[in-house]
Amino acid sequence: MSAFTRLNREKRLSEIDLDESIEIFQYDWNFQYNSIEVDDFIIKLSGDLVKKYPLRAYDSIQLASALKLNSVFLITTPSAYQFVSADKRLIDVAQKEGLETINPNEIHG
């Protein structure tokens, strides 16, 4: 939601495209994604990450959650998990932490 509204404020996404993007995201959130609970492990790890890297609070929670999930995927299906973000700084840190990453801004089709 933040990325969509930022693009709209920057005049790079029209009001119509903003509404459509939010609607698609909400559908995907409800039917395509699984959410995980932010627990003590994630809070501690996110704190460790902000000490180690110049991350914003929500980015550190997102990355800590991804690292927790990745540890599960490494056991069950090692190459099934990829961290997706359009934030170059967050992608760089995720790669330093060993995650496979995708930046949708760098996908050329």
C-alpha atoms as a PDB file:
ATOM      1  CA  MET A   1       0.000   0.000   0.000  1.00  0.00           C
ATOM      2  CA  SER A   2       2.810   2.368   0.870  1.00  0.00           C
ATOM      3  CA  ALA A   3       4.534   1.871  -2.488  1.00  0.00           C
ATOM      4  CA  PHE A   4       1.309   2.426  -4.418  1.00  0.00           C
ATOM      5  CA  THR A   5       0.389   5.595  -2.572  1.00  0.00           C
ATOM      6  CA  ARG A   6       3.937   6.923  -2.853  1.00  0.00           C
ATOM      7  CA  LEU A   7       3.877   6.375  -6.617  1.00  0.00           C
ATOM      8  CA  ASN A   8       0.546   8.183  -6.748  1.00  0.00           C
ATOM      9  CA  ARG A   9       1.884  11.133  -4.746  1.00  0.00           C
ATOM     10  CA  GLU A  10       4.866  11.280  -7.102  1.00  0.00           C
ATOM     11  CA  LYS A  11       2.434  11.397 -10.053  1.00  0.00           C
ATOM     12  CA  ARG A  12       3.811   8.122 -11.413  1.00  0.00           C
ATOM     13  CA  LEU A  13       0.540   6.264 -10.798  1.00  0.00           C
ATOM     14  CA  SER A  14      -2.871   7.706 -11.657  1.00  0.00           C
ATOM     15  CA  GLU A  15      -5.818   7.630  -9.241  1.00  0.00           C
ATOM     16  CA  ILE A  16      -7.479   4.942 -11.374  1.00  0.00           C
ATOM     17  CA  ASP A  17      -4.305   2.830 -11.424  1.00  0.00           C
ATOM     18  CA  LEU A  18      -3.881   3.412  -7.684  1.00  0.00           C
ATOM     19  CA  ASP A  19      -7.376   2.103  -6.966  1.00  0.00           C
ATOM     20  CA  GLU A  20      -6.856  -0.881  -9.280  1.00  0.00           C
ATOM     21  CA  SER A  21      -3.455  -1.693  -7.767  1.00  0.00           C
ATOM     22  CA  ILE A  22      -4.870  -1.580  -4.241  1.00  0.00           C
ATOM     23  CA  GLU A  23      -7.795  -3.781  -5.248  1.00  0.00           C
ATOM     24  CA  ILE A  24      -5.461  -6.370  -6.814  1.00  0.00           C
ATOM     25  CA  PHE A  25      -3.159  -6.254  -3.803  1.00  0.00           C
ATOM     26  CA  GLN A  26      -6.060  -6.758  -1.395  1.00  0.00           C
ATOM     27  CA  TYR A  27      -7.285  -9.720  -3.430  1.00  0.00           C
ATOM     28  CA  ASP A  28      -3.801 -11.249  -3.452  1.00  0.00           C
ATOM     29  CA  TRP A  29      -3.429 -10.576   0.288  1.00  0.00           C
ATOM     30  CA  ASN A  30      -6.686 -12.410   0.985  1.00  0.00           C
ATOM     31  CA  PHE A  31      -6.249 -15.342  -1.406  1.00  0.00           C
ATOM     32  CA  GLN A  32      -2.603 -15.716  -2.459  1.00  0.00           C
ATOM     33  CA  TYR A  33      -0.482 -14.968   0.606  1.00  0.00           C
ATOM     34  CA  ASN A  34      -0.034 -16.496   4.008  1.00  0.00           C
ATOM     35  CA  SER A  35       0.795 -14.234   6.907  1.00  0.00           C
ATOM     36  CA  ILE A  36       2.909 -15.054   9.905  1.00  0.00           C
ATOM     37  CA  GLU A  37       2.708 -13.738  13.437  1.00  0.00           C
ATOM     38  CA  VAL A  38       5.343 -11.320  14.605  1.00  0.00           C
ATOM     39  CA  ASP A  39       6.725 -13.172  17.588  1.00  0.00           C
ATOM     40  CA  ASP A  40       9.575 -12.663  20.060  1.00  0.00           C
ATOM     41  CA  PHE A  41      12.074 -14.314  17.701  1.00  0.00           C
ATOM     42  CA  ILE A  42      11.202 -11.883  14.888  1.00  0.00           C
ATOM     43  CA  ILE A  43      11.321  -8.873  17.227  1.00  0.00           C
ATOM     44  CA  LYS A  44      14.765  -9.850  18.514  1.00  0.00           C
ATOM     45  CA  LEU A  45      16.107 -10.612  15.050  1.00  0.00           C
ATOM     46  CA  SER A  46      14.749  -7.325  13.663  1.00  0.00           C
ATOM     47  CA  GLY A  47      16.546  -5.499  16.476  1.00  0.00           C
ATOM     48  CA  ASP A  48      19.769  -7.310  15.604  1.00  0.00           C
ATOM     49  CA  LEU A  49      19.302  -6.380  11.946  1.00  0.00           C
ATOM     50  CA  VAL A  50      18.876  -2.646  12.641  1.00  0.00           C
ATOM     51  CA  LYS A  51      22.046  -2.722  14.724  1.00  0.00           C
ATOM     52  CA  LYS A  52      23.900  -4.339  11.839  1.00  0.00           C
ATOM     53  CA  TYR A  53      22.380  -2.489   8.835  1.00  0.00           C
ATOM     54  CA  PRO A  54      20.764   0.911   8.104  1.00  0.00           C
ATOM     55  CA  LEU A  55      17.198  -0.420   8.007  1.00  0.00           C
ATOM     56  CA  ARG A  56      13.883   1.214   8.828  1.00  0.00           C
ATOM     57  CA  ALA A  57      11.819  -0.500  11.526  1.00  0.00           C
ATOM     58  CA  TYR A  58       9.214  -2.097   9.252  1.00  0.00           C
ATOM     59  CA  ASP A  59      11.921  -3.201   6.825  1.00  0.00           C
ATOM     60  CA  SER A  60      13.758  -4.967   9.635  1.00  0.00           C
ATOM     61  CA  ILE A  61      10.569  -6.768  10.678  1.00  0.00           C
ATOM     62  CA  GLN A  62       9.893  -7.760   7.065  1.00  0.00           C
ATOM     63  CA  LEU A  63      13.431  -9.059   6.658  1.00  0.00           C
ATOM     64  CA  ALA A  64      13.439 -10.855  10.016  1.00  0.00           C
ATOM     65  CA  SER A  65      10.166 -12.550   9.049  1.00  0.00           C
ATOM     66  CA  ALA A  66      11.637 -13.569   5.704  1.00  0.00           C
ATOM     67  CA  LEU A  67      14.727 -14.990   7.378  1.00  0.00           C
ATOM     68  CA  LYS A  68      12.561 -17.001   9.765  1.00  0.00           C
ATOM     69  CA  LEU A  69      10.504 -18.372   6.874  1.00  0.00           C
ATOM     70  CA  ASN A  70      13.600 -19.065   4.823  1.00  0.00           C
ATOM     71  CA  SER A  71      14.969 -21.283   7.584  1.00  0.00           C
ATOM     72  CA  VAL A  72      11.838 -23.442   7.240  1.00  0.00           C
ATOM     73  CA  PHE A  73      12.035 -23.515   3.445  1.00  0.00           C
ATOM     74  CA  LEU A  74      15.711 -24.523   3.576  1.00  0.00           C
ATOM     75  CA  ILE A  75      14.646 -27.696   5.339  1.00  0.00           C
ATOM     76  CA  THR A  76      11.620 -28.555   3.177  1.00  0.00           C
ATOM     77  CA  THR A  77      12.151 -27.016  -0.279  1.00  0.00           C
ATOM     78  CA  PRO A  78      15.478 -25.167  -0.481  1.00  0.00           C
ATOM     79  CA  SER A  79      14.995 -23.267  -3.750  1.00  0.00           C
ATOM     80  CA  ALA A  80      11.290 -22.466  -3.345  1.00  0.00           C
ATOM     81  CA  TYR A  81      11.658 -19.206  -1.447  1.00  0.00           C
ATOM     82  CA  GLN A  82      12.614 -15.805  -2.824  1.00  0.00           C
ATOM     83  CA  PHE A  83      12.505 -12.446  -1.069  1.00  0.00           C
ATOM     84  CA  VAL A  84      10.748  -9.811  -3.191  1.00  0.00           C
ATOM     85  CA  SER A  85      11.183  -6.088  -2.675  1.00  0.00           C
ATOM     86  CA  ALA A  86      11.470  -2.995  -4.840  1.00  0.00           C
ATOM     87  CA  ASP A  87      13.682  -1.375  -2.188  1.00  0.00           C
ATOM     88  CA  LYS A  88      17.299  -1.632  -3.379  1.00  0.00           C
ATOM     89  CA  ARG A  89      18.732  -1.127   0.111  1.00  0.00           C
ATOM     90  CA  LEU A  90      16.504  -3.856   1.548  1.00  0.00           C
ATOM     91  CA  ILE A  91      17.379  -6.207  -1.321  1.00  0.00           C
ATOM     92  CA  ASP A  92      21.094  -5.607  -0.713  1.00  0.00           C
ATOM     93  CA  VAL A  93      20.749  -6.442   2.985  1.00  0.00           C
ATOM     94  CA  ALA A  94      18.609  -9.512   2.238  1.00  0.00           C
ATOM     95  CA  GLN A  95      21.310 -10.777  -0.120  1.00  0.00           C
ATOM     96  CA  LYS A  96      23.981 -10.169   2.539  1.00  0.00           C
ATOM     97  CA  GLU A  97      21.845 -12.279   4.883  1.00  0.00           C
ATOM     98  CA  GLY A  98      21.784 -15.101   2.334  1.00  0.00           C
ATOM     99  CA  LEU A  99      18.325 -14.751   0.822  1.00  0.00           C
ATOM    100  CA  GLU A 100      17.581 -15.242  -2.850  1.00  0.00           C
ATOM    101  CA  THR A 101      15.980 -11.999  -3.995  1.00  0.00           C
ATOM    102  CA  ILE A 102      13.862 -10.476  -6.732  1.00  0.00           C
ATOM    103  CA  ASN A 103      13.556  -6.747  -7.367  1.00  0.00           C
ATOM    104  CA  PRO A 104      10.503  -6.230  -9.624  1.00  0.00           C
ATOM    105  CA  ASN A 105      11.995  -2.919 -10.789  1.00  0.00           C
ATOM    106  CA  GLU A 106      14.868  -4.823 -12.349  1.00  0.00           C
ATOM    107  CA  ILE A 107      12.809  -7.467 -14.184  1.00  0.00           C
ATOM    108  CA  HIS A 108      12.927  -6.881 -17.897  1.00  0.00           C
ATOM    109  CA  GLY A 109      10.504  -8.873 -19.976  1.00  0.00           C
END
